[in-house]
Amino acid sequence: MDIICTILRFFLYFMLAWIILSYVASYGRLPWGHPIRKVYDLMNRVMEPLLTPIRSVLKPVRFGGVALDLSPLVIWAIVLILLRVLPC
């Protein structure tokens, strides 16, 4: 059971890094060949298959001209609930 808890905790850190890198890649105006952009693209390949089913159900919240995607928050909450339920 400890290995599952460790994987879930690692996934939370992975997700946090992915969220931070998404802001850096989007608003940092990084060129496509930049190493940070390459790391973000690699992490995005892991995250997108998890987020796509949630995005089909939960549409982004609109704030004027900006949309806030809540699907990472849903996955974060699910992982936290799993960590609470499992005997870690």
PDB file of N, CA and C in Angstrom:
ATOM      1  N   MET A   1       0.819  -1.198   0.000  1.00  0.00           N
ATOM      2  CA  MET A   1       0.000   0.000   0.000  1.00  0.00           C
ATOM      3  C   MET A   1       0.862   1.259   0.000  1.00  0.00           C
ATOM      4  N   ASP A   2       2.048   1.158   0.577  1.00  0.00           N
ATOM      5  CA  ASP A   2       2.938   2.317   0.628  1.00  0.00           C
ATOM      6  C   ASP A   2       3.366   2.769  -0.758  1.00  0.00           C
ATOM      7  N   ILE A   3       3.538   1.823  -1.674  1.00  0.00           N
ATOM      8  CA  ILE A   3       3.965   2.187  -3.022  1.00  0.00           C
ATOM      9  C   ILE A   3       2.873   2.982  -3.739  1.00  0.00           C
ATOM     10  N   ILE A   4       1.615   2.609  -3.520  1.00  0.00           N
ATOM     11  CA  ILE A   4       0.506   3.346  -4.138  1.00  0.00           C
ATOM     12  C   ILE A   4       0.438   4.758  -3.578  1.00  0.00           C
ATOM     13  N   CYS A   5       0.609   4.909  -2.292  1.00  0.00           N
ATOM     14  CA  CYS A   5       0.590   6.234  -1.665  1.00  0.00           C
ATOM     15  C   CYS A   5       1.752   7.087  -2.170  1.00  0.00           C
ATOM     16  N   THR A   6       2.900   6.467  -2.327  1.00  0.00           N
ATOM     17  CA  THR A   6       4.063   7.197  -2.838  1.00  0.00           C
ATOM     18  C   THR A   6       3.826   7.654  -4.272  1.00  0.00           C
ATOM     19  N   ILE A   7       3.242   6.792  -5.086  1.00  0.00           N
ATOM     20  CA  ILE A   7       2.946   7.160  -6.477  1.00  0.00           C
ATOM     21  C   ILE A   7       1.937   8.302  -6.521  1.00  0.00           C
ATOM     22  N   LEU A   8       0.911   8.237  -5.686  1.00  0.00           N
ATOM     23  CA  LEU A   8      -0.092   9.309  -5.661  1.00  0.00           C
ATOM     24  C   LEU A   8       0.519  10.631  -5.205  1.00  0.00           C
ATOM     25  N   ARG A   9       1.388  10.583  -4.201  1.00  0.00           N
ATOM     26  CA  ARG A   9       2.050  11.823  -3.757  1.00  0.00           C
ATOM     27  C   ARG A   9       2.963  12.380  -4.845  1.00  0.00           C
ATOM     28  N   PHE A  10       3.705  11.491  -5.512  1.00  0.00           N
ATOM     29  CA  PHE A  10       4.551  11.923  -6.621  1.00  0.00           C
ATOM     30  C   PHE A  10       3.700  12.569  -7.709  1.00  0.00           C
ATOM     31  N   PHE A  11       2.530  11.980  -7.979  1.00  0.00           N
ATOM     32  CA  PHE A  11       1.654  12.533  -9.004  1.00  0.00           C
ATOM     33  C   PHE A  11       1.181  13.937  -8.634  1.00  0.00           C
ATOM     34  N   LEU A  12       0.928  14.190  -7.345  1.00  0.00           N
ATOM     35  CA  LEU A  12       0.541  15.540  -6.923  1.00  0.00           C
ATOM     36  C   LEU A  12       1.657  16.547  -7.198  1.00  0.00           C
ATOM     37  N   TYR A  13       2.902  16.164  -6.914  1.00  0.00           N
ATOM     38  CA  TYR A  13       4.036  17.052  -7.215  1.00  0.00           C
ATOM     39  C   TYR A  13       4.202  17.235  -8.717  1.00  0.00           C
ATOM     40  N   PHE A  14       3.998  16.160  -9.460  1.00  0.00           N
ATOM     41  CA  PHE A  14       4.067  16.231 -10.923  1.00  0.00           C
ATOM     42  C   PHE A  14       3.021  17.209 -11.454  1.00  0.00           C
ATOM     43  N   MET A  15       1.803  17.099 -10.919  1.00  0.00           N
ATOM     44  CA  MET A  15       0.728  17.995 -11.345  1.00  0.00           C
ATOM     45  C   MET A  15       1.021  19.448 -11.006  1.00  0.00           C
ATOM     46  N   LEU A  16       1.560  19.681  -9.825  1.00  0.00           N
ATOM     47  CA  LEU A  16       1.914  21.043  -9.430  1.00  0.00           C
ATOM     48  C   LEU A  16       2.965  21.620 -10.373  1.00  0.00           C
ATOM     49  N   ALA A  17       3.962  20.828 -10.701  1.00  0.00           N
ATOM     50  CA  ALA A  17       4.985  21.284 -11.646  1.00  0.00           C
ATOM     51  C   ALA A  17       4.372  21.538 -13.013  1.00  0.00           C
ATOM     52  N   TRP A  18       3.444  20.687 -13.437  1.00  0.00           N
ATOM     53  CA  TRP A  18       2.790  20.872 -14.732  1.00  0.00           C
ATOM     54  C   TRP A  18       1.976  22.169 -14.765  1.00  0.00           C
ATOM     55  N   ILE A  19       1.273  22.460 -13.667  1.00  0.00           N
ATOM     56  CA  ILE A  19       0.477  23.691 -13.604  1.00  0.00           C
ATOM     57  C   ILE A  19       1.385  24.917 -13.671  1.00  0.00           C
ATOM     58  N   ILE A  20       2.462  24.910 -12.917  1.00  0.00           N
ATOM     59  CA  ILE A  20       3.398  26.040 -12.926  1.00  0.00           C
ATOM     60  C   ILE A  20       4.017  26.214 -14.311  1.00  0.00           C
ATOM     61  N   LEU A  21       4.446  25.104 -14.907  1.00  0.00           N
ATOM     62  CA  LEU A  21       5.049  25.188 -16.243  1.00  0.00           C
ATOM     63  C   LEU A  21       4.050  25.635 -17.298  1.00  0.00           C
ATOM     64  N   SER A  22       2.780  25.324 -17.108  1.00  0.00           N
ATOM     65  CA  SER A  22       1.795  25.780 -18.087  1.00  0.00           C
ATOM     66  C   SER A  22       1.688  27.307 -18.088  1.00  0.00           C
ATOM     67  N   TYR A  23       1.787  27.911 -16.906  1.00  0.00           N
ATOM     68  CA  TYR A  23       1.779  29.374 -16.848  1.00  0.00           C
ATOM     69  C   TYR A  23       3.061  29.946 -17.441  1.00  0.00           C
ATOM     70  N   VAL A  24       4.186  29.337 -17.133  1.00  0.00           N
ATOM     71  CA  VAL A  24       5.465  29.822 -17.668  1.00  0.00           C
ATOM     72  C   VAL A  24       5.482  29.700 -19.184  1.00  0.00           C
ATOM     73  N   ALA A  25       5.016  28.558 -19.703  1.00  0.00           N
ATOM     74  CA  ALA A  25       5.024  28.345 -21.150  1.00  0.00           C
ATOM     75  C   ALA A  25       4.035  29.270 -21.854  1.00  0.00           C
ATOM     76  N   SER A  26       2.891  29.527 -21.225  1.00  0.00           N
ATOM     77  CA  SER A  26       1.867  30.357 -21.867  1.00  0.00           C
ATOM     78  C   SER A  26       2.193  31.844 -21.807  1.00  0.00           C
ATOM     79  N   TYR A  27       2.622  32.306 -20.644  1.00  0.00           N
ATOM     80  CA  TYR A  27       2.802  33.741 -20.452  1.00  0.00           C
ATOM     81  C   TYR A  27       4.254  34.180 -20.503  1.00  0.00           C
ATOM     82  N   GLY A  28       5.173  33.219 -20.561  1.00  0.00           N
ATOM     83  CA  GLY A  28       6.586  33.561 -20.610  1.00  0.00           C
ATOM     84  C   GLY A  28       7.098  33.825 -22.013  1.00  0.00           C
ATOM     85  N   ARG A  29       6.234  33.592 -23.005  1.00  0.00           N
ATOM     86  CA  ARG A  29       6.605  33.801 -24.408  1.00  0.00           C
ATOM     87  C   ARG A  29       7.875  33.037 -24.762  1.00  0.00           C
ATOM     88  N   LEU A  30       7.893  31.757 -24.403  1.00  0.00           N
ATOM     89  CA  LEU A  30       9.050  30.928 -24.689  1.00  0.00           C
ATOM     90  C   LEU A  30       8.999  30.444 -26.130  1.00  0.00           C
ATOM     91  N   PRO A  31      10.137  30.429 -26.807  1.00  0.00           N
ATOM     92  CA  PRO A  31      10.143  29.874 -28.165  1.00  0.00           C
ATOM     93  C   PRO A  31       9.900  28.364 -28.121  1.00  0.00           C
ATOM     94  N   TRP A  32       9.483  27.797 -29.246  1.00  0.00           N
ATOM     95  CA  TRP A  32       9.113  26.384 -29.284  1.00  0.00           C
ATOM     96  C   TRP A  32      10.287  25.471 -28.964  1.00  0.00           C
ATOM     97  N   GLY A  33      11.515  25.863 -29.240  1.00  0.00           N
ATOM     98  CA  GLY A  33      12.664  25.015 -28.996  1.00  0.00           C
ATOM     99  C   GLY A  33      13.263  25.157 -27.606  1.00  0.00           C
ATOM    100  N   HIS A  34      12.688  25.995 -26.764  1.00  0.00           N
ATOM    101  CA  HIS A  34      13.215  26.231 -25.423  1.00  0.00           C
ATOM    102  C   HIS A  34      13.096  24.964 -24.571  1.00  0.00           C
ATOM    103  N   PRO A  35      14.107  24.646 -23.736  1.00  0.00           N
ATOM    104  CA  PRO A  35      14.049  23.424 -22.918  1.00  0.00           C
ATOM    105  C   PRO A  35      12.841  23.355 -21.985  1.00  0.00           C
ATOM    106  N   ILE A  36      12.425  24.482 -21.431  1.00  0.00           N
ATOM    107  CA  ILE A  36      11.249  24.476 -20.550  1.00  0.00           C
ATOM    108  C   ILE A  36       9.998  24.101 -21.340  1.00  0.00           C
ATOM    109  N   ARG A  37       9.905  24.588 -22.556  1.00  0.00           N
ATOM    110  CA  ARG A  37       8.767  24.250 -23.413  1.00  0.00           C
ATOM    111  C   ARG A  37       8.760  22.755 -23.738  1.00  0.00           C
ATOM    112  N   LYS A  38       9.945  22.178 -23.947  1.00  0.00           N
ATOM    113  CA  LYS A  38      10.031  20.745 -24.243  1.00  0.00           C
ATOM    114  C   LYS A  38       9.605  19.910 -23.043  1.00  0.00           C
ATOM    115  N   VAL A  39      10.015  20.318 -21.842  1.00  0.00           N
ATOM    116  CA  VAL A  39       9.609  19.607 -20.626  1.00  0.00           C
ATOM    117  C   VAL A  39       8.096  19.717 -20.445  1.00  0.00           C
ATOM    118  N   TYR A  40       7.558  20.904 -20.682  1.00  0.00           N
ATOM    119  CA  TYR A  40       6.114  21.100 -20.554  1.00  0.00           C
ATOM    120  C   TYR A  40       5.357  20.224 -21.557  1.00  0.00           C
ATOM    121  N   ASP A  41       5.830  20.155 -22.787  1.00  0.00           N
ATOM    122  CA  ASP A  41       5.167  19.328 -23.792  1.00  0.00           C
ATOM    123  C   ASP A  41       5.181  17.852 -23.396  1.00  0.00           C
ATOM    124  N   LEU A  42       6.286  17.396 -22.834  1.00  0.00           N
ATOM    125  CA  LEU A  42       6.372  16.012 -22.369  1.00  0.00           C
ATOM    126  C   LEU A  42       5.385  15.760 -21.222  1.00  0.00           C
ATOM    127  N   MET A  43       5.320  16.675 -20.268  1.00  0.00           N
ATOM    128  CA  MET A  43       4.389  16.537 -19.147  1.00  0.00           C
ATOM    129  C   MET A  43       2.945  16.627 -19.625  1.00  0.00           C
ATOM    130  N   ASN A  44       2.718  17.432 -20.637  1.00  0.00           N
ATOM    131  CA  ASN A  44       1.384  17.602 -21.188  1.00  0.00           C
ATOM    132  C   ASN A  44       0.878  16.305 -21.814  1.00  0.00           C
ATOM    133  N   ARG A  45       1.783  15.526 -22.412  1.00  0.00           N
ATOM    134  CA  ARG A  45       1.395  14.243 -22.985  1.00  0.00           C
ATOM    135  C   ARG A  45       0.916  13.260 -21.918  1.00  0.00           C
ATOM    136  N   VAL A  46       1.400  13.416 -20.713  1.00  0.00           N
ATOM    137  CA  VAL A  46       0.950  12.567 -19.608  1.00  0.00           C
ATOM    138  C   VAL A  46      -0.392  13.062 -19.067  1.00  0.00           C
ATOM    139  N   MET A  47      -0.545  14.379 -18.953  1.00  0.00           N
ATOM    140  CA  MET A  47      -1.722  14.939 -18.301  1.00  0.00           C
ATOM    141  C   MET A  47      -2.966  14.984 -19.189  1.00  0.00           C
ATOM    142  N   GLU A  48      -2.806  15.230 -20.458  1.00  0.00           N
ATOM    143  CA  GLU A  48      -3.966  15.417 -21.331  1.00  0.00           C
ATOM    144  C   GLU A  48      -4.916  14.224 -21.370  1.00  0.00           C
ATOM    145  N   PRO A  49      -4.423  12.967 -21.429  1.00  0.00           N
ATOM    146  CA  PRO A  49      -5.388  11.850 -21.412  1.00  0.00           C
ATOM    147  C   PRO A  49      -6.203  11.778 -20.120  1.00  0.00           C
ATOM    148  N   LEU A  50      -5.674  12.288 -19.030  1.00  0.00           N
ATOM    149  CA  LEU A  50      -6.422  12.308 -17.773  1.00  0.00           C
ATOM    150  C   LEU A  50      -7.432  13.451 -17.731  1.00  0.00           C
ATOM    151  N   LEU A  51      -7.080  14.567 -18.345  1.00  0.00           N
ATOM    152  CA  LEU A  51      -7.926  15.760 -18.270  1.00  0.00           C
ATOM    153  C   LEU A  51      -9.052  15.759 -19.298  1.00  0.00           C
ATOM    154  N   THR A  52      -8.855  15.125 -20.425  1.00  0.00           N
ATOM    155  CA  THR A  52      -9.831  15.183 -21.513  1.00  0.00           C
ATOM    156  C   THR A  52     -11.214  14.676 -21.109  1.00  0.00           C
ATOM    157  N   PRO A  53     -11.343  13.532 -20.429  1.00  0.00           N
ATOM    158  CA  PRO A  53     -12.709  13.106 -20.043  1.00  0.00           C
ATOM    159  C   PRO A  53     -13.386  14.072 -19.081  1.00  0.00           C
ATOM    160  N   ILE A  54     -12.619  14.674 -18.190  1.00  0.00           N
ATOM    161  CA  ILE A  54     -13.202  15.629 -17.244  1.00  0.00           C
ATOM    162  C   ILE A  54     -13.597  16.911 -17.971  1.00  0.00           C
ATOM    163  N   ARG A  55     -12.785  17.338 -18.920  1.00  0.00           N
ATOM    164  CA  ARG A  55     -13.108  18.552 -19.687  1.00  0.00           C
ATOM    165  C   ARG A  55     -14.362  18.375 -20.531  1.00  0.00           C
ATOM    166  N   SER A  56     -14.653  17.145 -20.947  1.00  0.00           N
ATOM    167  CA  SER A  56     -15.867  16.928 -21.743  1.00  0.00           C
ATOM    168  C   SER A  56     -17.121  17.106 -20.893  1.00  0.00           C
ATOM    169  N   VAL A  57     -17.001  16.889 -19.588  1.00  0.00           N
ATOM    170  CA  VAL A  57     -18.142  17.046 -18.681  1.00  0.00           C
ATOM    171  C   VAL A  57     -18.156  18.433 -18.040  1.00  0.00           C
ATOM    172  N   LEU A  58     -16.992  18.900 -17.597  1.00  0.00           N
ATOM    173  CA  LEU A  58     -16.868  20.161 -16.875  1.00  0.00           C
ATOM    174  C   LEU A  58     -16.260  21.217 -17.796  1.00  0.00           C
ATOM    175  N   LYS A  59     -17.076  22.103 -18.283  1.00  0.00           N
ATOM    176  CA  LYS A  59     -16.613  23.154 -19.193  1.00  0.00           C
ATOM    177  C   LYS A  59     -15.862  24.234 -18.420  1.00  0.00           C
ATOM    178  N   PRO A  60     -14.944  24.950 -19.083  1.00  0.00           N
ATOM    179  CA  PRO A  60     -14.212  26.023 -18.398  1.00  0.00           C
ATOM    180  C   PRO A  60     -15.149  27.127 -17.902  1.00  0.00           C
ATOM    181  N   VAL A  61     -14.791  27.710 -16.771  1.00  0.00           N
ATOM    182  CA  VAL A  61     -15.554  28.810 -16.189  1.00  0.00           C
ATOM    183  C   VAL A  61     -15.080  30.099 -16.845  1.00  0.00           C
ATOM    184  N   ARG A  62     -16.023  30.899 -17.321  1.00  0.00           N
ATOM    185  CA  ARG A  62     -15.694  32.135 -18.037  1.00  0.00           C
ATOM    186  C   ARG A  62     -15.660  33.329 -17.095  1.00  0.00           C
ATOM    187  N   PHE A  63     -14.601  34.146 -17.240  1.00  0.00           N
ATOM    188  CA  PHE A  63     -14.483  35.430 -16.549  1.00  0.00           C
ATOM    189  C   PHE A  63     -14.188  36.483 -17.597  1.00  0.00           C
ATOM    190  N   GLY A  64     -15.223  37.013 -18.215  1.00  0.00           N
ATOM    191  CA  GLY A  64     -15.005  37.974 -19.289  1.00  0.00           C
ATOM    192  C   GLY A  64     -14.370  37.281 -20.482  1.00  0.00           C
ATOM    193  N   GLY A  65     -13.150  37.691 -20.844  1.00  0.00           N
ATOM    194  CA  GLY A  65     -12.453  37.094 -21.973  1.00  0.00           C
ATOM    195  C   GLY A  65     -11.528  35.963 -21.577  1.00  0.00           C
ATOM    196  N   VAL A  66     -11.556  35.569 -20.321  1.00  0.00           N
ATOM    197  CA  VAL A  66     -10.650  34.539 -19.819  1.00  0.00           C
ATOM    198  C   VAL A  66     -11.471  33.321 -19.384  1.00  0.00           C
ATOM    199  N   ALA A  67     -10.954  32.133 -19.672  1.00  0.00           N
ATOM    200  CA  ALA A  67     -11.616  30.908 -19.236  1.00  0.00           C
ATOM    201  C   ALA A  67     -10.702  30.169 -18.259  1.00  0.00           C
ATOM    202  N   LEU A  68     -11.269  29.695 -17.159  1.00  0.00           N
ATOM    203  CA  LEU A  68     -10.520  28.971 -16.141  1.00  0.00           C
ATOM    204  C   LEU A  68     -10.882  27.487 -16.224  1.00  0.00           C
ATOM    205  N   ASP A  69      -9.873  26.659 -16.490  1.00  0.00           N
ATOM    206  CA  ASP A  69     -10.072  25.219 -16.608  1.00  0.00           C
ATOM    207  C   ASP A  69      -9.991  24.599 -15.208  1.00  0.00           C
ATOM    208  N   LEU A  70     -11.076  23.994 -14.769  1.00  0.00           N
ATOM    209  CA  LEU A  70     -11.134  23.419 -13.432  1.00  0.00           C
ATOM    210  C   LEU A  70     -10.827  21.920 -13.403  1.00  0.00           C
ATOM    211  N   SER A  71     -10.546  21.313 -14.541  1.00  0.00           N
ATOM    212  CA  SER A  71     -10.303  19.871 -14.574  1.00  0.00           C
ATOM    213  C   SER A  71      -9.066  19.448 -13.770  1.00  0.00           C
ATOM    214  N   PRO A  72      -7.962  20.215 -13.751  1.00  0.00           N
ATOM    215  CA  PRO A  72      -6.854  19.809 -12.872  1.00  0.00           C
ATOM    216  C   PRO A  72      -7.246  19.817 -11.394  1.00  0.00           C
ATOM    217  N   LEU A  73      -8.112  20.726 -11.012  1.00  0.00           N
ATOM    218  CA  LEU A  73      -8.571  20.784  -9.624  1.00  0.00           C
ATOM    219  C   LEU A  73      -9.376  19.542  -9.257  1.00  0.00           C
ATOM    220  N   VAL A  74     -10.162  19.035 -10.196  1.00  0.00           N
ATOM    221  CA  VAL A  74     -10.949  17.822  -9.956  1.00  0.00           C
ATOM    222  C   VAL A  74     -10.018  16.630  -9.749  1.00  0.00           C
ATOM    223  N   ILE A  75      -9.002  16.494 -10.600  1.00  0.00           N
ATOM    224  CA  ILE A  75      -8.053  15.387 -10.459  1.00  0.00           C
ATOM    225  C   ILE A  75      -7.289  15.522  -9.148  1.00  0.00           C
ATOM    226  N   TRP A  76      -6.892  16.741  -8.809  1.00  0.00           N
ATOM    227  CA  TRP A  76      -6.180  16.987  -7.543  1.00  0.00           C
ATOM    228  C   TRP A  76      -7.043  16.524  -6.361  1.00  0.00           C
ATOM    229  N   ALA A  77      -8.339  16.879  -6.385  1.00  0.00           N
ATOM    230  CA  ALA A  77      -9.244  16.491  -5.301  1.00  0.00           C
ATOM    231  C   ALA A  77      -9.413  14.975  -5.234  1.00  0.00           C
ATOM    232  N   ILE A  78      -9.505  14.327  -6.373  1.00  0.00           N
ATOM    233  CA  ILE A  78      -9.646  12.869  -6.397  1.00  0.00           C
ATOM    234  C   ILE A  78      -8.419  12.203  -5.780  1.00  0.00           C
ATOM    235  N   VAL A  79      -7.240  12.681  -6.133  1.00  0.00           N
ATOM    236  CA  VAL A  79      -6.002  12.100  -5.580  1.00  0.00           C
ATOM    237  C   VAL A  79      -5.936  12.340  -4.070  1.00  0.00           C
ATOM    238  N   LEU A  80      -6.320  13.525  -3.625  1.00  0.00           N
ATOM    239  CA  LEU A  80      -6.321  13.794  -2.182  1.00  0.00           C
ATOM    240  C   LEU A  80      -7.310  12.899  -1.436  1.00  0.00           C
ATOM    241  N   ILE A  81      -8.466  12.676  -2.035  1.00  0.00           N
ATOM    242  CA  ILE A  81      -9.446  11.778  -1.411  1.00  0.00           C
ATOM    243  C   ILE A  81      -8.899  10.354  -1.359  1.00  0.00           C
ATOM    244  N   LEU A  82      -8.244   9.907  -2.412  1.00  0.00           N
ATOM    245  CA  LEU A  82      -7.647   8.578  -2.403  1.00  0.00           C
ATOM    246  C   LEU A  82      -6.584   8.458  -1.314  1.00  0.00           C
ATOM    247  N   LEU A  83      -5.792   9.511  -1.127  1.00  0.00           N
ATOM    248  CA  LEU A  83      -4.777   9.479  -0.085  1.00  0.00           C
ATOM    249  C   LEU A  83      -5.390   9.423   1.310  1.00  0.00           C
ATOM    250  N   ARG A  84      -6.571  10.019   1.466  1.00  0.00           N
ATOM    251  CA  ARG A  84      -7.255   9.969   2.767  1.00  0.00           C
ATOM    252  C   ARG A  84      -7.875   8.602   3.025  1.00  0.00           C
ATOM    253  N   VAL A  85      -8.439   8.016   1.965  1.00  0.00           N
ATOM    254  CA  VAL A  85      -9.137   6.740   2.103  1.00  0.00           C
ATOM    255  C   VAL A  85      -8.158   5.583   2.284  1.00  0.00           C
ATOM    256  N   LEU A  86      -7.074   5.600   1.526  1.00  0.00           N
ATOM    257  CA  LEU A  86      -6.091   4.516   1.626  1.00  0.00           C
ATOM    258  C   LEU A  86      -5.323   4.612   2.933  1.00  0.00           C
ATOM    259  N   PRO A  87      -4.955   3.490   3.498  1.00  0.00           N
ATOM    260  CA  PRO A  87      -4.176   3.534   4.749  1.00  0.00           C
ATOM    261  C   PRO A  87      -2.698   3.871   4.478  1.00  0.00           C
ATOM    262  N   CYS A  88      -2.426   5.131   4.394  1.00  0.00           N
ATOM    263  CA  CYS A  88      -1.056   5.585   4.101  1.00  0.00           C
ATOM    264  C   CYS A  88      -0.320   5.931   5.386  1.00  0.00           C
TER     265      CYS A  88
END
